[in-house]
All heavy atoms as atom14 arrays in JSON, in Angstrom:
{
  "sequence": "CYNYGWKKPDYTGHCSKEVRRQNDELLWLWKSSTALYPSVYLQLSLAD",
  "atom14_mask": [
    [1, 1, 1, 1, 1, 1, 0, 0, 0, 0, 0, 0, 0, 0],
    [1, 1, 1, 1, 1, 1, 1, 1, 1, 1, 1, 1, 0, 0],
    [1, 1, 1, 1, 1, 1, 1, 1, 0, 0, 0, 0, 0, 0],
    [1, 1, 1, 1, 1, 1, 1, 1, 1, 1, 1, 1, 0, 0],
    [1, 1, 1, 1, 0, 0, 0, 0, 0, 0, 0, 0, 0, 0],
    [1, 1, 1, 1, 1, 1, 1, 1, 1, 1, 1, 1, 1, 1],
    [1, 1, 1, 1, 1, 1, 1, 1, 1, 0, 0, 0, 0, 0],
    [1, 1, 1, 1, 1, 1, 1, 1, 1, 0, 0, 0, 0, 0],
    [1, 1, 1, 1, 1, 1, 1, 0, 0, 0, 0, 0, 0, 0],
    [1, 1, 1, 1, 1, 1, 1, 1, 0, 0, 0, 0, 0, 0],
    [1, 1, 1, 1, 1, 1, 1, 1, 1, 1, 1, 1, 0, 0],
    [1, 1, 1, 1, 1, 1, 1, 0, 0, 0, 0, 0, 0, 0],
    [1, 1, 1, 1, 0, 0, 0, 0, 0, 0, 0, 0, 0, 0],
    [1, 1, 1, 1, 1, 1, 1, 1, 1, 1, 0, 0, 0, 0],
    [1, 1, 1, 1, 1, 1, 0, 0, 0, 0, 0, 0, 0, 0],
    [1, 1, 1, 1, 1, 1, 0, 0, 0, 0, 0, 0, 0, 0],
    [1, 1, 1, 1, 1, 1, 1, 1, 1, 0, 0, 0, 0, 0],
    [1, 1, 1, 1, 1, 1, 1, 1, 1, 0, 0, 0, 0, 0],
    [1, 1, 1, 1, 1, 1, 1, 0, 0, 0, 0, 0, 0, 0],
    [1, 1, 1, 1, 1, 1, 1, 1, 1, 1, 1, 0, 0, 0],
    [1, 1, 1, 1, 1, 1, 1, 1, 1, 1, 1, 0, 0, 0],
    [1, 1, 1, 1, 1, 1, 1, 1, 1, 0, 0, 0, 0, 0],
    [1, 1, 1, 1, 1, 1, 1, 1, 0, 0, 0, 0, 0, 0],
    [1, 1, 1, 1, 1, 1, 1, 1, 0, 0, 0, 0, 0, 0],
    [1, 1, 1, 1, 1, 1, 1, 1, 1, 0, 0, 0, 0, 0],
    [1, 1, 1, 1, 1, 1, 1, 1, 0, 0, 0, 0, 0, 0],
    [1, 1, 1, 1, 1, 1, 1, 1, 0, 0, 0, 0, 0, 0],
    [1, 1, 1, 1, 1, 1, 1, 1, 1, 1, 1, 1, 1, 1],
    [1, 1, 1, 1, 1, 1, 1, 1, 0, 0, 0, 0, 0, 0],
    [1, 1, 1, 1, 1, 1, 1, 1, 1, 1, 1, 1, 1, 1],
    [1, 1, 1, 1, 1, 1, 1, 1, 1, 0, 0, 0, 0, 0],
    [1, 1, 1, 1, 1, 1, 0, 0, 0, 0, 0, 0, 0, 0],
    [1, 1, 1, 1, 1, 1, 0, 0, 0, 0, 0, 0, 0, 0],
    [1, 1, 1, 1, 1, 1, 1, 0, 0, 0, 0, 0, 0, 0],
    [1, 1, 1, 1, 1, 0, 0, 0, 0, 0, 0, 0, 0, 0],
    [1, 1, 1, 1, 1, 1, 1, 1, 0, 0, 0, 0, 0, 0],
    [1, 1, 1, 1, 1, 1, 1, 1, 1, 1, 1, 1, 0, 0],
    [1, 1, 1, 1, 1, 1, 1, 0, 0, 0, 0, 0, 0, 0],
    [1, 1, 1, 1, 1, 1, 0, 0, 0, 0, 0, 0, 0, 0],
    [1, 1, 1, 1, 1, 1, 1, 0, 0, 0, 0, 0, 0, 0],
    [1, 1, 1, 1, 1, 1, 1, 1, 1, 1, 1, 1, 0, 0],
    [1, 1, 1, 1, 1, 1, 1, 1, 0, 0, 0, 0, 0, 0],
    [1, 1, 1, 1, 1, 1, 1, 1, 1, 0, 0, 0, 0, 0],
    [1, 1, 1, 1, 1, 1, 1, 1, 0, 0, 0, 0, 0, 0],
    [1, 1, 1, 1, 1, 1, 0, 0, 0, 0, 0, 0, 0, 0],
    [1, 1, 1, 1, 1, 1, 1, 1, 0, 0, 0, 0, 0, 0],
    [1, 1, 1, 1, 1, 0, 0, 0, 0, 0, 0, 0, 0, 0],
    [1, 1, 1, 1, 1, 1, 1, 1, 0, 0, 0, 0, 0, 0]
  ],
  "atom14_positions": [
    [[0.82, -1.2, 0.0], [0.0, 0.0, 0.0], [0.86, 1.26, 0.0], [0.4, 2.32, -0.41], [-0.91, -0.04, 1.22], [-1.99, 1.36, 1.48], [0.0, 0.0, 0.0], [0.0, 0.0, 0.0], [0.0, 0.0, 0.0], [0.0, 0.0, 0.0], [0.0, 0.0, 0.0], [0.0, 0.0, 0.0], [0.0, 0.0, 0.0], [0.0, 0.0, 0.0]],
    [[2.11, 1.12, 0.46], [3.04, 2.25, 0.54], [2.43, 3.42, 1.3], [2.63, 4.59, 0.94], [3.48, 2.68, -0.86], [4.16, 1.59, -1.63], [3.5, 0.9, -2.64], [5.46, 1.19, -1.34], [4.12, -0.13, -3.35], [6.09, 0.16, -2.03], [5.41, -0.5, -3.03], [6.02, -1.51, -3.71], [0.0, 0.0, 0.0], [0.0, 0.0, 0.0]],
    [[1.68, 3.11, 2.35], [1.02, 4.17, 3.14], [1.9, 4.61, 4.3], [1.51, 4.53, 5.47], [-0.36, 3.7, 3.62], [-0.29, 2.4, 4.43], [0.73, 1.71, 4.44], [-1.38, 2.07, 5.09], [0.0, 0.0, 0.0], [0.0, 0.0, 0.0], [0.0, 0.0, 0.0], [0.0, 0.0, 0.0], [0.0, 0.0, 0.0], [0.0, 0.0, 0.0]],
    [[3.08, 5.07, 3.95], [3.98, 5.63, 4.96], [3.54, 7.07, 5.24], [2.52, 7.52, 4.74], [5.42, 5.6, 4.45], [5.87, 4.21, 4.04], [6.01, 3.86, 2.7], [6.14, 3.24, 5.0], [6.41, 2.59, 2.33], [6.55, 1.97, 4.64], [6.68, 1.63, 3.29], [7.06, 0.37, 2.93], [0.0, 0.0, 0.0], [0.0, 0.0, 0.0]],
    [[4.29, 7.78, 6.04], [3.93, 9.16, 6.33], [3.08, 9.32, 7.56], [2.36, 10.31, 7.71], [0.0, 0.0, 0.0], [0.0, 0.0, 0.0], [0.0, 0.0, 0.0], [0.0, 0.0, 0.0], [0.0, 0.0, 0.0], [0.0, 0.0, 0.0], [0.0, 0.0, 0.0], [0.0, 0.0, 0.0], [0.0, 0.0, 0.0], [0.0, 0.0, 0.0]],
    [[3.12, 8.32, 8.48], [2.28, 8.4, 9.67], [2.71, 9.49, 10.65], [2.01, 9.75, 11.61], [2.26, 7.05, 10.38], [3.6, 6.4, 10.53], [4.58, 6.71, 11.41], [4.1, 5.31, 9.76], [5.67, 5.9, 11.24], [5.4, 5.02, 10.23], [3.59, 4.54, 8.71], [6.18, 4.0, 9.69], [4.37, 3.53, 8.18], [5.65, 3.27, 8.67]],
    [[3.87, 10.11, 10.4], [4.28, 11.21, 11.28], [3.54, 12.51, 10.95], [3.61, 13.47, 11.71], [5.79, 11.41, 11.2], [6.58, 10.24, 11.78], [8.08, 10.51, 11.78], [8.85, 9.34, 12.39], [10.31, 9.58, 12.4], [0.0, 0.0, 0.0], [0.0, 0.0, 0.0], [0.0, 0.0, 0.0], [0.0, 0.0, 0.0], [0.0, 0.0, 0.0]],
    [[2.82, 12.52, 9.82], [2.04, 13.7, 9.47], [0.77, 13.74, 10.32], [0.16, 12.71, 10.58], [1.68, 13.68, 7.99], [2.88, 13.71, 7.06], [2.45, 13.64, 5.6], [3.66, 13.66, 4.67], [3.27, 13.54, 3.24], [0.0, 0.0, 0.0], [0.0, 0.0, 0.0], [0.0, 0.0, 0.0], [0.0, 0.0, 0.0], [0.0, 0.0, 0.0]],
    [[0.36, 14.93, 10.76], [-0.81, 15.01, 11.66], [-2.12, 14.57, 11.02], [-3.03, 14.12, 11.71], [-0.85, 16.5, 12.05], [-0.08, 17.2, 10.98], [0.98, 16.24, 10.52], [0.0, 0.0, 0.0], [0.0, 0.0, 0.0], [0.0, 0.0, 0.0], [0.0, 0.0, 0.0], [0.0, 0.0, 0.0], [0.0, 0.0, 0.0], [0.0, 0.0, 0.0]],
    [[-2.24, 14.69, 9.69], [-3.49, 14.35, 9.01], [-3.45, 12.95, 8.38], [-4.19, 12.66, 7.44], [-3.82, 15.38, 7.94], [-2.7, 15.52, 6.88], [-1.58, 15.02, 7.15], [-2.95, 16.11, 5.82], [0.0, 0.0, 0.0], [0.0, 0.0, 0.0], [0.0, 0.0, 0.0], [0.0, 0.0, 0.0], [0.0, 0.0, 0.0], [0.0, 0.0, 0.0]],
    [[-2.59, 12.07, 8.9], [-2.42, 10.73, 8.33], [-3.72, 9.93, 8.43], [-4.33, 9.85, 9.5], [-1.3, 10.01, 9.06], [-1.03, 8.59, 8.59], [-0.4, 8.36, 7.37], [-1.41, 7.5, 9.36], [-0.14, 7.08, 6.94], [-1.16, 6.21, 8.95], [-0.52, 6.0, 7.73], [-0.27, 4.72, 7.3], [0.0, 0.0, 0.0], [0.0, 0.0, 0.0]],
    [[-4.14, 9.34, 7.32], [-5.34, 8.49, 7.29], [-5.02, 7.02, 7.05], [-5.86, 6.17, 7.32], [-6.3, 8.96, 6.19], [-5.69, 8.77, 4.9], [-6.68, 10.43, 6.37], [0.0, 0.0, 0.0], [0.0, 0.0, 0.0], [0.0, 0.0, 0.0], [0.0, 0.0, 0.0], [0.0, 0.0, 0.0], [0.0, 0.0, 0.0], [0.0, 0.0, 0.0]],
    [[-3.83, 6.74, 6.52], [-3.47, 5.37, 6.19], [-3.98, 4.9, 4.85], [-3.65, 3.78, 4.43], [0.0, 0.0, 0.0], [0.0, 0.0, 0.0], [0.0, 0.0, 0.0], [0.0, 0.0, 0.0], [0.0, 0.0, 0.0], [0.0, 0.0, 0.0], [0.0, 0.0, 0.0], [0.0, 0.0, 0.0], [0.0, 0.0, 0.0], [0.0, 0.0, 0.0]],
    [[-4.77, 5.69, 4.16], [-5.35, 5.26, 2.9], [-4.28, 5.01, 1.83], [-3.3, 5.75, 1.74], [-6.34, 6.3, 2.38], [-7.57, 6.43, 3.22], [-8.41, 7.52, 3.17], [-8.11, 5.6, 4.15], [-9.4, 7.36, 4.02], [-9.24, 6.21, 4.63], [0.0, 0.0, 0.0], [0.0, 0.0, 0.0], [0.0, 0.0, 0.0], [0.0, 0.0, 0.0]],
    [[-4.48, 3.99, 1.04], [-3.63, 3.76, -0.13], [-4.0, 4.79, -1.18], [-5.18, 5.01, -1.45], [-3.82, 2.35, -0.68], [-3.74, 1.03, 0.55], [0.0, 0.0, 0.0], [0.0, 0.0, 0.0], [0.0, 0.0, 0.0], [0.0, 0.0, 0.0], [0.0, 0.0, 0.0], [0.0, 0.0, 0.0], [0.0, 0.0, 0.0], [0.0, 0.0, 0.0]],
    [[-3.01, 5.39, -1.78], [-3.29, 6.44, -2.76], [-3.94, 5.85, -4.02], [-3.84, 4.65, -4.29], [-1.99, 7.16, -3.13], [-1.14, 6.3, -3.88], [0.0, 0.0, 0.0], [0.0, 0.0, 0.0], [0.0, 0.0, 0.0], [0.0, 0.0, 0.0], [0.0, 0.0, 0.0], [0.0, 0.0, 0.0], [0.0, 0.0, 0.0], [0.0, 0.0, 0.0]],
    [[-4.59, 6.72, -4.79], [-5.18, 6.28, -6.05], [-4.12, 5.72, -6.99], [-4.36, 4.76, -7.72], [-5.93, 7.44, -6.72], [-7.19, 7.86, -6.0], [-7.9, 8.98, -6.76], [-9.19, 9.38, -6.04], [-9.89, 10.49, -6.78], [0.0, 0.0, 0.0], [0.0, 0.0, 0.0], [0.0, 0.0, 0.0], [0.0, 0.0, 0.0], [0.0, 0.0, 0.0]],
    [[-2.93, 6.33, -6.97], [-1.86, 5.87, -7.84], [-1.4, 4.48, -7.45], [-1.16, 3.63, -8.31], [-0.69, 6.85, -7.79], [0.54, 6.44, -8.59], [0.28, 6.34, -10.09], [-0.77, 6.83, -10.56], [1.14, 5.78, -10.81], [0.0, 0.0, 0.0], [0.0, 0.0, 0.0], [0.0, 0.0, 0.0], [0.0, 0.0, 0.0], [0.0, 0.0, 0.0]],
    [[-1.29, 4.23, -6.16], [-0.89, 2.89, -5.7], [-1.94, 1.86, -6.09], [-1.6, 0.76, -6.57], [-0.66, 2.9, -4.18], [-0.61, 1.47, -3.63], [0.64, 3.62, -3.85], [0.0, 0.0, 0.0], [0.0, 0.0, 0.0], [0.0, 0.0, 0.0], [0.0, 0.0, 0.0], [0.0, 0.0, 0.0], [0.0, 0.0, 0.0], [0.0, 0.0, 0.0]],
    [[-3.2, 2.18, -5.91], [-4.26, 1.24, -6.29], [-4.27, 1.0, -7.79], [-4.49, -0.13, -8.25], [-5.62, 1.76, -5.82], [-5.75, 1.83, -4.3], [-7.2, 1.94, -3.86], [-7.87, 3.1, -4.43], [-7.91, 4.29, -3.85], [-7.27, 4.49, -2.7], [-8.54, 5.3, -4.41], [0.0, 0.0, 0.0], [0.0, 0.0, 0.0], [0.0, 0.0, 0.0]],
    [[-4.01, 2.05, -8.57], [-3.95, 1.88, -10.02], [-2.8, 0.96, -10.4], [-2.95, 0.07, -11.25], [-3.78, 3.24, -10.7], [-3.78, 3.17, -12.23], [-3.22, 4.43, -12.85], [-1.81, 4.62, -12.51], [-0.82, 3.95, -13.1], [-1.07, 3.02, -14.02], [0.43, 4.19, -12.74], [0.0, 0.0, 0.0], [0.0, 0.0, 0.0], [0.0, 0.0, 0.0]],
    [[-1.64, 1.15, -9.76], [-0.5, 0.29, -10.04], [-0.78, -1.16, -9.62], [-0.41, -2.1, -10.33], [0.74, 0.81, -9.33], [1.29, 2.11, -9.92], [2.48, 2.64, -9.13], [2.63, 2.37, -7.94], [3.34, 3.39, -9.81], [0.0, 0.0, 0.0], [0.0, 0.0, 0.0], [0.0, 0.0, 0.0], [0.0, 0.0, 0.0], [0.0, 0.0, 0.0]],
    [[-1.45, -1.33, -8.49], [-1.8, -2.68, -8.09], [-2.76, -3.34, -9.07], [-2.72, -4.57, -9.26], [-2.4, -2.68, -6.67], [-1.34, -2.51, -5.59], [-0.16, -2.78, -5.81], [-1.76, -2.06, -4.41], [0.0, 0.0, 0.0], [0.0, 0.0, 0.0], [0.0, 0.0, 0.0], [0.0, 0.0, 0.0], [0.0, 0.0, 0.0], [0.0, 0.0, 0.0]],
    [[-3.6, -2.54, -9.69], [-4.5, -3.09, -10.71], [-3.72, -3.58, -11.93], [-4.16, -4.49, -12.64], [-5.52, -2.04, -11.14], [-6.55, -1.76, -10.05], [-6.7, -2.61, -9.14], [-7.2, -0.7, -10.1], [0.0, 0.0, 0.0], [0.0, 0.0, 0.0], [0.0, 0.0, 0.0], [0.0, 0.0, 0.0], [0.0, 0.0, 0.0], [0.0, 0.0, 0.0]],
    [[-2.57, -2.96, -12.19], [-1.72, -3.43, -13.28], [-1.15, -4.81, -13.0], [-0.7, -5.5, -13.94], [-0.57, -2.44, -13.52], [-0.98, -1.11, -14.11], [0.24, -0.25, -14.42], [1.26, -0.81, -14.89], [0.19, 0.97, -14.2], [0.0, 0.0, 0.0], [0.0, 0.0, 0.0], [0.0, 0.0, 0.0], [0.0, 0.0, 0.0], [0.0, 0.0, 0.0]],
    [[-1.13, -5.21, -11.75], [-0.59, -6.51, -11.37], [-1.68, -7.58, -11.29], [-1.54, -8.57, -10.56], [0.13, -6.41, -10.02], [1.39, -5.55, -10.0], [1.9, -5.38, -8.57], [2.48, -6.18, -10.87], [0.0, 0.0, 0.0], [0.0, 0.0, 0.0], [0.0, 0.0, 0.0], [0.0, 0.0, 0.0], [0.0, 0.0, 0.0], [0.0, 0.0, 0.0]],
    [[-2.75, -7.41, -12.06], [-3.82, -8.39, -12.06], [-3.31, -9.78, -12.37], [-3.78, -10.77, -11.8], [-4.9, -7.98, -13.08], [-6.1, -8.92, -13.2], [-6.85, -9.03, -11.88], [-7.02, -8.46, -14.32], [0.0, 0.0, 0.0], [0.0, 0.0, 0.0], [0.0, 0.0, 0.0], [0.0, 0.0, 0.0], [0.0, 0.0, 0.0], [0.0, 0.0, 0.0]],
    [[-2.31, -9.88, -13.23], [-1.73, -11.19, -13.57], [-1.15, -11.87, -12.33], [-1.19, -13.1, -12.21], [-0.63, -11.02, -14.63], [0.48, -10.09, -14.24], [0.56, -8.75, -14.52], [1.66, -10.4, -13.48], [1.72, -8.22, -13.99], [2.42, -9.2, -13.36], [2.16, -11.58, -12.91], [3.63, -9.16, -12.68], [3.37, -11.54, -12.22], [4.09, -10.35, -12.12]],
    [[-0.62, -11.06, -11.4], [-0.03, -11.63, -10.19], [-1.11, -12.13, -9.24], [-0.98, -13.21, -8.65], [0.84, -10.58, -9.49], [1.56, -11.02, -8.21], [2.43, -12.25, -8.46], [2.41, -9.89, -7.65], [0.0, 0.0, 0.0], [0.0, 0.0, 0.0], [0.0, 0.0, 0.0], [0.0, 0.0, 0.0], [0.0, 0.0, 0.0], [0.0, 0.0, 0.0]],
    [[-2.18, -11.37, -9.1], [-3.27, -11.8, -8.22], [-3.96, -13.03, -8.79], [-4.43, -13.88, -8.02], [-4.27, -10.66, -8.01], [-3.64, -9.3, -7.84], [-4.05, -8.13, -8.41], [-2.51, -8.96, -7.02], [-3.25, -7.09, -8.03], [-2.28, -7.57, -7.17], [-1.65, -9.69, -6.19], [-1.26, -6.9, -6.53], [-0.61, -9.02, -5.55], [-0.43, -7.65, -5.71]],
    [[-4.02, -13.14, -10.12], [-4.6, -14.35, -10.73], [-3.71, -15.57, -10.49], [-4.21, -16.69, -10.36], [-4.78, -14.13, -12.23], [-5.94, -13.23, -12.62], [-6.07, -13.14, -14.14], [-7.28, -12.33, -14.56], [-7.41, -12.23, -16.04], [0.0, 0.0, 0.0], [0.0, 0.0, 0.0], [0.0, 0.0, 0.0], [0.0, 0.0, 0.0], [0.0, 0.0, 0.0]],
    [[-2.41, -15.36, -10.45], [-1.47, -16.47, -10.3], [-1.3, -16.92, -8.86], [-0.86, -18.04, -8.6], [-0.1, -16.08, -10.86], [-0.19, -15.72, -12.23], [0.0, 0.0, 0.0], [0.0, 0.0, 0.0], [0.0, 0.0, 0.0], [0.0, 0.0, 0.0], [0.0, 0.0, 0.0], [0.0, 0.0, 0.0], [0.0, 0.0, 0.0], [0.0, 0.0, 0.0]],
    [[-1.65, -16.06, -7.9], [-1.42, -16.35, -6.49], [-2.62, -17.07, -5.88], [-3.76, -16.75, -6.18], [-1.16, -15.05, -5.71], [-0.08, -14.31, -6.26], [0.0, 0.0, 0.0], [0.0, 0.0, 0.0], [0.0, 0.0, 0.0], [0.0, 0.0, 0.0], [0.0, 0.0, 0.0], [0.0, 0.0, 0.0], [0.0, 0.0, 0.0], [0.0, 0.0, 0.0]],
    [[-2.34, -18.02, -5.01], [-3.42, -18.67, -4.27], [-3.48, -18.17, -2.83], [-4.3, -18.64, -2.04], [-3.26, -20.2, -4.31], [-1.91, -20.56, -3.99], [-3.61, -20.73, -5.69], [0.0, 0.0, 0.0], [0.0, 0.0, 0.0], [0.0, 0.0, 0.0], [0.0, 0.0, 0.0], [0.0, 0.0, 0.0], [0.0, 0.0, 0.0], [0.0, 0.0, 0.0]],
    [[-2.62, -17.24, -2.47], [-2.68, -16.52, -1.19], [-1.89, -15.24, -1.34], [-0.99, -15.14, -2.19], [-2.13, -17.36, -0.04], [0.0, 0.0, 0.0], [0.0, 0.0, 0.0], [0.0, 0.0, 0.0], [0.0, 0.0, 0.0], [0.0, 0.0, 0.0], [0.0, 0.0, 0.0], [0.0, 0.0, 0.0], [0.0, 0.0, 0.0], [0.0, 0.0, 0.0]],
    [[-2.23, -14.25, -0.53], [-1.52, -12.97, -0.55], [-0.89, -12.76, 0.82], [-1.48, -13.09, 1.86], [-2.48, -11.82, -0.88], [-3.23, -11.94, -2.22], [-4.15, -10.74, -2.41], [-2.26, -12.06, -3.38], [0.0, 0.0, 0.0], [0.0, 0.0, 0.0], [0.0, 0.0, 0.0], [0.0, 0.0, 0.0], [0.0, 0.0, 0.0], [0.0, 0.0, 0.0]],
    [[0.32, -12.18, 0.82], [1.11, -12.05, 2.05], [1.61, -10.62, 2.25], [2.8, -10.35, 2.14], [2.28, -13.02, 2.01], [1.87, -14.47, 1.94], [1.88, -15.17, 0.72], [1.47, -15.16, 3.08], [1.5, -16.5, 0.65], [1.09, -16.5, 3.02], [1.11, -17.16, 1.8], [0.73, -18.48, 1.74], [0.0, 0.0, 0.0], [0.0, 0.0, 0.0]],
    [[0.73, -9.67, 2.56], [1.19, -8.31, 2.85], [1.9, -8.26, 4.21], [1.78, -9.18, 5.03], [-0.11, -7.5, 2.88], [-1.14, -8.5, 3.3], [-0.73, -9.81, 2.68], [0.0, 0.0, 0.0], [0.0, 0.0, 0.0], [0.0, 0.0, 0.0], [0.0, 0.0, 0.0], [0.0, 0.0, 0.0], [0.0, 0.0, 0.0], [0.0, 0.0, 0.0]],
    [[2.64, -7.19, 4.44], [3.41, -7.04, 5.67], [2.94, -5.81, 6.43], [2.66, -4.77, 5.84], [4.91, -6.9, 5.34], [5.64, -6.58, 6.51], [0.0, 0.0, 0.0], [0.0, 0.0, 0.0], [0.0, 0.0, 0.0], [0.0, 0.0, 0.0], [0.0, 0.0, 0.0], [0.0, 0.0, 0.0], [0.0, 0.0, 0.0], [0.0, 0.0, 0.0]],
    [[2.86, -5.95, 7.77], [2.45, -4.82, 8.61], [3.42, -4.65, 9.79], [3.01, -4.35, 10.91], [1.0, -4.99, 9.12], [0.02, -5.0, 7.96], [0.85, -6.26, 9.96], [0.0, 0.0, 0.0], [0.0, 0.0, 0.0], [0.0, 0.0, 0.0], [0.0, 0.0, 0.0], [0.0, 0.0, 0.0], [0.0, 0.0, 0.0], [0.0, 0.0, 0.0]],
    [[4.71, -4.83, 9.53], [5.7, -4.63, 10.58], [5.62, -3.2, 11.1], [5.43, -2.26, 10.32], [7.12, -4.89, 10.05], [7.37, -6.3, 9.56], [8.47, -6.58, 8.76], [6.53, -7.35, 9.9], [8.73, -7.87, 8.31], [6.77, -8.64, 9.46], [7.87, -8.9, 8.66], [8.11, -10.17, 8.22], [0.0, 0.0, 0.0], [0.0, 0.0, 0.0]],
    [[5.8, -3.04, 12.39], [5.71, -1.72, 13.01], [7.08, -1.16, 13.33], [7.97, -1.87, 13.79], [4.92, -1.79, 14.32], [3.43, -2.15, 14.25], [2.79, -1.96, 15.63], [2.7, -1.33, 13.21], [0.0, 0.0, 0.0], [0.0, 0.0, 0.0], [0.0, 0.0, 0.0], [0.0, 0.0, 0.0], [0.0, 0.0, 0.0], [0.0, 0.0, 0.0]],
    [[7.23, 0.14, 13.1], [8.38, 0.87, 13.59], [8.07, 1.42, 14.98], [6.91, 1.55, 15.38], [8.74, 2.02, 12.64], [9.21, 1.57, 11.27], [9.63, 2.73, 10.39], [9.82, 3.85, 10.86], [9.79, 2.46, 9.1], [0.0, 0.0, 0.0], [0.0, 0.0, 0.0], [0.0, 0.0, 0.0], [0.0, 0.0, 0.0], [0.0, 0.0, 0.0]],
    [[9.11, 1.74, 15.72], [8.93, 2.18, 17.1], [8.09, 3.44, 17.18], [7.37, 3.66, 18.18], [10.3, 2.41, 17.76], [10.29, 2.67, 19.26], [9.7, 1.49, 20.01], [11.7, 2.98, 19.76], [0.0, 0.0, 0.0], [0.0, 0.0, 0.0], [0.0, 0.0, 0.0], [0.0, 0.0, 0.0], [0.0, 0.0, 0.0], [0.0, 0.0, 0.0]],
    [[8.12, 4.27, 16.16], [7.33, 5.5, 16.18], [5.83, 5.22, 16.2], [5.03, 6.11, 16.49], [7.68, 6.37, 14.97], [7.43, 5.67, 13.76], [0.0, 0.0, 0.0], [0.0, 0.0, 0.0], [0.0, 0.0, 0.0], [0.0, 0.0, 0.0], [0.0, 0.0, 0.0], [0.0, 0.0, 0.0], [0.0, 0.0, 0.0], [0.0, 0.0, 0.0]],
    [[5.44, 3.98, 15.89], [4.03, 3.62, 15.91], [3.63, 2.88, 17.18], [2.5, 2.39, 17.29], [3.69, 2.75, 14.69], [3.62, 3.48, 13.35], [3.46, 2.5, 12.2], [2.48, 4.49, 13.34], [0.0, 0.0, 0.0], [0.0, 0.0, 0.0], [0.0, 0.0, 0.0], [0.0, 0.0, 0.0], [0.0, 0.0, 0.0], [0.0, 0.0, 0.0]],
    [[4.53, 2.77, 18.13], [4.23, 2.06, 19.37], [3.1, 2.76, 20.12], [3.13, 3.99, 20.31], [5.47, 1.98, 20.26], [0.0, 0.0, 0.0], [0.0, 0.0, 0.0], [0.0, 0.0, 0.0], [0.0, 0.0, 0.0], [0.0, 0.0, 0.0], [0.0, 0.0, 0.0], [0.0, 0.0, 0.0], [0.0, 0.0, 0.0], [0.0, 0.0, 0.0]],
    [[2.1, 1.98, 20.51], [0.96, 2.5, 21.27], [0.38, 3.74, 20.6], [0.06, 4.74, 21.24], [1.39, 2.82, 22.71], [0.2, 2.91, 23.66], [-0.84, 2.28, 23.36], [0.29, 3.61, 24.68], [0.0, 0.0, 0.0], [0.0, 0.0, 0.0], [0.0, 0.0, 0.0], [0.0, 0.0, 0.0], [0.0, 0.0, 0.0], [0.0, 0.0, 0.0]]
  ]
}
């Protein structure tokens, strides 16, 4: 989703339209996959 920028006060976490459009270009990958494995590792700045 590339939704970085959580240090900004108005952060919503939304994936940008451009990112969603690019992900739509990868339709061949979603068709080929039988599971999806996104990552949500946290940096210390997001603690609590």
